[in-house]
Amino acid sequence: MKEEIDMEKYVCVVCGWVYDEAVEGVKFEDQPADYVCPICGVGKDQFEKM
């Protein structure tokens, strides 16, 4: 039996790009501190949980 893992989505408040943990395969909180939005380049602090 496969264990279900809750996957979240986070939206960049600057450009609206959505970080989907299920698609990316990595929890947002596990991304390095220097992670940036691939569209507009802002840091993790500019993302909000959906």
N, C-alpha and C. Protein backbone atom coordinates (compact mmCIF):
# COMPACT_ATOMS: atom_id res chain seq x y z
N MET A 1 0.85 -1.19 0.00
CA MET A 1 0.00 0.00 0.00
C MET A 1 0.89 1.24 0.00
N LYS A 2 0.62 2.17 -0.91
CA LYS A 2 1.41 3.38 -1.04
C LYS A 2 0.92 4.44 -0.05
N GLU A 3 1.87 5.05 0.65
CA GLU A 3 1.53 6.08 1.62
C GLU A 3 1.21 7.39 0.90
N GLU A 4 0.13 8.03 1.29
CA GLU A 4 -0.25 9.31 0.70
C GLU A 4 0.53 10.42 1.38
N ILE A 5 1.07 11.31 0.59
CA ILE A 5 1.79 12.46 1.11
C ILE A 5 1.03 13.71 0.69
N ASP A 6 0.76 14.59 1.66
CA ASP A 6 0.06 15.83 1.34
C ASP A 6 0.98 16.74 0.56
N MET A 7 0.55 17.11 -0.62
CA MET A 7 1.32 18.01 -1.45
C MET A 7 0.61 19.36 -1.49
N GLU A 8 1.37 20.40 -1.36
CA GLU A 8 0.83 21.76 -1.33
C GLU A 8 1.19 22.49 -2.62
N LYS A 9 0.56 23.64 -2.80
CA LYS A 9 0.88 24.53 -3.90
C LYS A 9 1.19 25.90 -3.31
N TYR A 10 2.16 26.56 -3.90
CA TYR A 10 2.57 27.89 -3.47
C TYR A 10 2.56 28.80 -4.68
N VAL A 11 2.07 30.02 -4.51
CA VAL A 11 2.00 30.96 -5.63
C VAL A 11 2.97 32.12 -5.41
N CYS A 12 3.66 32.49 -6.48
CA CYS A 12 4.54 33.66 -6.44
C CYS A 12 3.63 34.89 -6.45
N VAL A 13 3.76 35.74 -5.43
CA VAL A 13 2.89 36.90 -5.34
C VAL A 13 3.26 37.98 -6.35
N VAL A 14 4.42 37.88 -6.95
CA VAL A 14 4.86 38.88 -7.93
C VAL A 14 4.31 38.57 -9.33
N CYS A 15 4.50 37.33 -9.80
CA CYS A 15 4.11 37.01 -11.18
C CYS A 15 2.97 36.00 -11.30
N GLY A 16 2.61 35.33 -10.19
CA GLY A 16 1.50 34.39 -10.22
C GLY A 16 1.85 32.96 -10.57
N TRP A 17 3.15 32.67 -10.80
CA TRP A 17 3.56 31.30 -11.11
C TRP A 17 3.29 30.40 -9.91
N VAL A 18 2.82 29.19 -10.16
CA VAL A 18 2.46 28.27 -9.09
C VAL A 18 3.50 27.16 -8.97
N TYR A 19 4.05 27.02 -7.77
CA TYR A 19 4.95 25.92 -7.44
C TYR A 19 4.07 24.80 -6.91
N ASP A 20 3.99 23.71 -7.65
CA ASP A 20 3.17 22.56 -7.28
C ASP A 20 4.10 21.44 -6.83
N GLU A 21 4.06 21.11 -5.54
CA GLU A 21 4.96 20.09 -5.00
C GLU A 21 4.78 18.75 -5.70
N ALA A 22 3.56 18.42 -6.11
CA ALA A 22 3.30 17.15 -6.78
C ALA A 22 4.01 17.09 -8.13
N VAL A 23 4.05 18.21 -8.83
CA VAL A 23 4.71 18.27 -10.14
C VAL A 23 6.23 18.34 -9.98
N GLU A 24 6.69 19.20 -9.06
CA GLU A 24 8.12 19.41 -8.87
C GLU A 24 8.80 18.22 -8.19
N GLY A 25 8.04 17.48 -7.38
CA GLY A 25 8.61 16.32 -6.70
C GLY A 25 9.41 16.65 -5.45
N VAL A 26 9.36 17.92 -5.04
CA VAL A 26 10.10 18.38 -3.86
C VAL A 26 9.19 19.30 -3.06
N LYS A 27 9.12 19.08 -1.75
CA LYS A 27 8.35 19.97 -0.89
C LYS A 27 8.96 21.37 -0.98
N PHE A 28 8.13 22.39 -1.02
CA PHE A 28 8.61 23.76 -1.14
C PHE A 28 9.57 24.10 0.00
N GLU A 29 9.23 23.66 1.20
CA GLU A 29 10.07 23.95 2.37
C GLU A 29 11.44 23.29 2.27
N ASP A 30 11.56 22.26 1.44
CA ASP A 30 12.84 21.57 1.28
C ASP A 30 13.73 22.19 0.20
N GLN A 31 13.19 23.18 -0.51
CA GLN A 31 14.01 23.89 -1.49
C GLN A 31 15.06 24.70 -0.72
N PRO A 32 16.25 24.90 -1.31
CA PRO A 32 17.29 25.67 -0.62
C PRO A 32 16.86 27.12 -0.37
N ALA A 33 17.49 27.77 0.58
CA ALA A 33 17.16 29.15 0.94
C ALA A 33 17.31 30.11 -0.24
N ASP A 34 18.18 29.77 -1.18
CA ASP A 34 18.41 30.66 -2.32
C ASP A 34 17.54 30.32 -3.53
N TYR A 35 16.50 29.49 -3.33
CA TYR A 35 15.57 29.15 -4.41
C TYR A 35 14.89 30.42 -4.90
N VAL A 36 14.75 30.54 -6.22
CA VAL A 36 14.06 31.69 -6.80
C VAL A 36 12.99 31.23 -7.78
N CYS A 37 12.00 32.07 -7.99
CA CYS A 37 10.94 31.81 -8.96
C CYS A 37 11.58 31.68 -10.34
N PRO A 38 11.27 30.61 -11.07
CA PRO A 38 11.87 30.43 -12.39
C PRO A 38 11.36 31.42 -13.44
N ILE A 39 10.29 32.13 -13.14
CA ILE A 39 9.74 33.10 -14.09
C ILE A 39 10.28 34.51 -13.83
N CYS A 40 10.16 34.99 -12.59
CA CYS A 40 10.53 36.38 -12.32
C CYS A 40 11.75 36.55 -11.42
N GLY A 41 12.23 35.47 -10.80
CA GLY A 41 13.48 35.52 -10.06
C GLY A 41 13.41 35.98 -8.61
N VAL A 42 12.21 36.15 -8.05
CA VAL A 42 12.13 36.55 -6.64
C VAL A 42 12.35 35.34 -5.74
N GLY A 43 12.71 35.61 -4.48
CA GLY A 43 13.03 34.55 -3.53
C GLY A 43 11.82 33.87 -2.92
N LYS A 44 12.12 32.83 -2.11
CA LYS A 44 11.07 32.02 -1.47
C LYS A 44 10.12 32.84 -0.61
N ASP A 45 10.62 33.96 -0.07
CA ASP A 45 9.78 34.78 0.81
C ASP A 45 8.65 35.48 0.05
N GLN A 46 8.67 35.41 -1.27
CA GLN A 46 7.62 36.03 -2.08
C GLN A 46 6.57 35.02 -2.55
N PHE A 47 6.57 33.83 -1.93
CA PHE A 47 5.58 32.80 -2.25
C PHE A 47 4.62 32.65 -1.08
N GLU A 48 3.35 32.41 -1.40
CA GLU A 48 2.33 32.16 -0.38
C GLU A 48 1.67 30.82 -0.65
N LYS A 49 1.36 30.10 0.43
CA LYS A 49 0.66 28.82 0.31
C LYS A 49 -0.74 29.06 -0.20
N MET A 50 -1.17 28.23 -1.14
CA MET A 50 -2.52 28.35 -1.70
C MET A 50 -3.51 27.60 -0.84
